[in-house]
Structure formats: structure tokens, C-alpha cells
Amino acid sequence: MTKLRGLRGATTADANTKEAILSATSELLSEMASLNDLDVDDVAAAFFTTTPDLNAEWPAVAARLEMGWTDVALMCGHEMNVPDGQPMCIRVMVLLNTDKPANQLNNVYLRDAANLRARGVDGQ
């Protein structure tokens, strides 16, 4: 039975530039799509956040331009500014329709965001 599931991912940008934000986001979404056999028609929505030090571009632009998610509901916002939080971080929560159980989805953490899982910040 198809259910709506949440798929998480995070990465870091090298700089607060449009190019760095789009590159990091494209890399993250590509890896998430590859590891989870995502079909864009199954993606219901994606919510992106960045830490306050990233504001040169909306990460959702990468989903539209690089991934072709033209009919997917996308939204961007800022993360809480938590002391000792991961700087230069881009996170995404993709809501998708899938027959897979939640424990068969592969959440993806790249670059310096890989330590978020080790710290238990993003669960799993």
C-alpha cells in the first residue's frame, strides 16, 4: 500500500554563494534520488532549510533547475540558530509516496553534515 513517507538529507556548502548552495543541494538531491530510486512523480513536496549563514540562494532552485522538480511543491526556510550547531548546513525533508516501509528509505548526510547523525541531531 502506498503511503506518504519523509526522507531526510543534509549537506554543507563551501561558501555563502549561489554556486556553492546550488552545487551542494544538487549533489544531495542526486544522491537521495539514486539511493532511493526516486521518481519525480512520487515526490509530493520538499522543505529545505539552511542555517542563517546561508542566504545567497534558495536551495529549492536546485530542485527545480537541476532535478526538474517543476511540479513539486517546494519551500525554503532557516534552521534554528542553535549554539554549536553545524554551520553552512542545508537540510531537506522530501515527502514522497512510496510502497517502501520507512526503514527501507535511505536518509543521506554528505560532507560535514555527516556528523549530524553521529550526534543524534537528525535521528536514526
Protein backbone atom coordinates (compact mmCIF):
# COMPACT_ATOMS: atom_id res chain seq x y z
CA MET A 1 0.00 0.00 0.00
CA THR A 2 1.35 3.41 -0.94
CA LYS A 3 2.00 5.73 1.98
CA LEU A 4 3.36 9.22 2.40
CA ARG A 5 6.85 8.99 3.91
CA GLY A 6 9.50 11.51 4.89
CA LEU A 7 13.03 11.22 3.53
CA ARG A 8 15.74 13.34 5.16
CA GLY A 9 19.01 14.68 3.91
CA ALA A 10 21.65 17.22 4.82
CA THR A 11 24.89 18.60 3.45
CA THR A 12 27.10 21.63 3.80
CA ALA A 13 28.03 24.37 1.35
CA ASP A 14 31.60 25.53 0.86
CA ALA A 15 30.59 29.21 0.85
CA ASN A 16 27.60 31.52 1.02
CA THR A 17 27.34 31.87 -2.75
CA LYS A 18 24.63 30.91 -5.22
CA GLU A 19 27.00 28.48 -6.90
CA ALA A 20 28.04 26.73 -3.67
CA ILE A 21 24.46 26.40 -2.39
CA LEU A 22 23.14 25.07 -5.71
CA SER A 23 26.07 22.68 -6.14
CA ALA A 24 25.75 21.21 -2.65
CA THR A 25 21.96 20.92 -2.94
CA SER A 26 22.15 19.26 -6.36
CA GLU A 27 24.70 16.78 -5.08
CA LEU A 28 22.49 15.96 -2.09
CA LEU A 29 19.28 15.54 -4.11
CA SER A 30 21.04 13.43 -6.73
CA GLU A 31 22.39 11.09 -4.07
CA MET A 32 19.00 10.86 -2.36
CA ALA A 33 17.31 10.08 -5.68
CA SER A 34 19.90 7.46 -6.60
CA LEU A 35 19.91 5.64 -3.26
CA ASN A 36 16.11 5.57 -3.05
CA ASP A 37 15.14 5.03 -6.72
CA LEU A 38 13.10 8.23 -6.59
CA ASP A 39 10.71 9.01 -9.40
CA VAL A 40 9.81 12.70 -9.51
CA ASP A 41 6.14 11.74 -9.90
CA ASP A 42 6.27 10.20 -6.41
CA VAL A 43 7.64 13.36 -4.77
CA ALA A 44 4.79 15.26 -3.12
CA ALA A 45 6.79 18.12 -1.59
CA ALA A 46 10.19 19.13 -0.31
CA PHE A 47 11.01 21.52 2.51
CA PHE A 48 14.54 22.94 2.56
CA THR A 49 16.24 24.77 5.41
CA THR A 50 19.59 26.46 5.69
CA THR A 51 21.50 27.69 8.67
CA PRO A 52 21.36 31.51 8.98
CA ASP A 53 24.84 31.83 7.44
CA LEU A 54 23.50 30.63 4.06
CA ASN A 55 21.26 33.15 2.33
CA ALA A 56 22.72 33.75 -1.14
CA GLU A 57 20.23 31.43 -2.88
CA TRP A 58 17.21 29.25 -2.21
CA PRO A 59 18.17 25.55 -2.22
CA ALA A 60 14.85 24.79 -3.91
CA VAL A 61 16.22 26.41 -7.08
CA ALA A 62 18.48 23.36 -7.49
CA ALA A 63 15.46 21.05 -7.26
CA ARG A 64 13.66 23.00 -9.98
CA LEU A 65 16.60 23.65 -12.33
CA GLU A 66 18.88 20.65 -11.77
CA MET A 67 16.43 17.90 -10.82
CA GLY A 68 13.46 19.00 -12.92
CA TRP A 69 11.07 19.07 -9.96
CA THR A 70 8.87 21.62 -11.72
CA ASP A 71 5.55 20.27 -10.43
CA VAL A 72 6.69 19.54 -6.86
CA ALA A 73 5.66 21.83 -4.00
CA LEU A 74 8.90 23.33 -2.65
CA MET A 75 9.56 25.62 0.30
CA CYS A 76 12.65 27.09 1.96
CA GLY A 77 13.29 28.40 5.46
CA HIS A 78 16.04 28.89 8.03
CA GLU A 79 17.10 26.48 10.76
CA MET A 80 17.13 27.49 14.39
CA ASN A 81 20.39 29.20 15.32
CA VAL A 82 21.42 26.61 17.92
CA PRO A 83 24.74 27.16 19.73
CA ASP A 84 27.37 24.70 18.42
CA GLY A 85 25.10 23.79 15.51
CA GLN A 86 26.54 22.69 12.18
CA PRO A 87 27.39 25.83 10.17
CA MET A 88 26.81 26.25 6.42
CA CYS A 89 24.21 23.45 6.52
CA ILE A 90 21.46 22.69 4.03
CA ARG A 91 18.75 20.24 5.09
CA VAL A 92 15.83 18.80 3.19
CA MET A 93 12.74 16.81 4.08
CA VAL A 94 11.28 15.16 0.99
CA LEU A 95 7.73 13.88 1.28
CA LEU A 96 7.15 11.02 -1.12
CA ASN A 97 4.50 8.50 -1.97
CA THR A 98 6.04 5.05 -1.73
CA ASP A 99 5.32 1.40 -1.09
CA LYS A 100 8.60 1.08 0.83
CA PRO A 101 8.48 0.84 4.62
CA ALA A 102 10.17 3.73 6.42
CA ASN A 103 13.10 1.53 7.48
CA GLN A 104 13.97 0.89 3.82
CA LEU A 105 14.42 4.55 2.96
CA ASN A 106 18.00 5.82 2.84
CA ASN A 107 18.45 9.19 4.51
CA VAL A 108 21.54 10.93 3.16
CA TYR A 109 24.11 13.03 5.02
CA LEU A 110 27.02 14.42 2.99
CA ARG A 111 30.13 16.48 3.63
CA ASP A 112 30.33 17.99 7.12
CA ALA A 113 26.65 17.21 7.74
CA ALA A 114 27.58 13.54 8.22
CA ASN A 115 28.34 14.36 11.86
CA LEU A 116 24.68 15.30 12.48
CA ARG A 117 23.72 11.62 12.54
CA ALA A 118 26.62 10.73 14.81
CA ARG A 119 25.45 13.44 17.25
CA GLY A 120 21.86 12.19 17.05
CA VAL A 121 20.65 15.57 15.81
CA ASP A 122 18.75 14.17 12.84
CA GLY A 123 17.63 10.88 14.33
CA GLN A 124 18.35 7.36 13.14
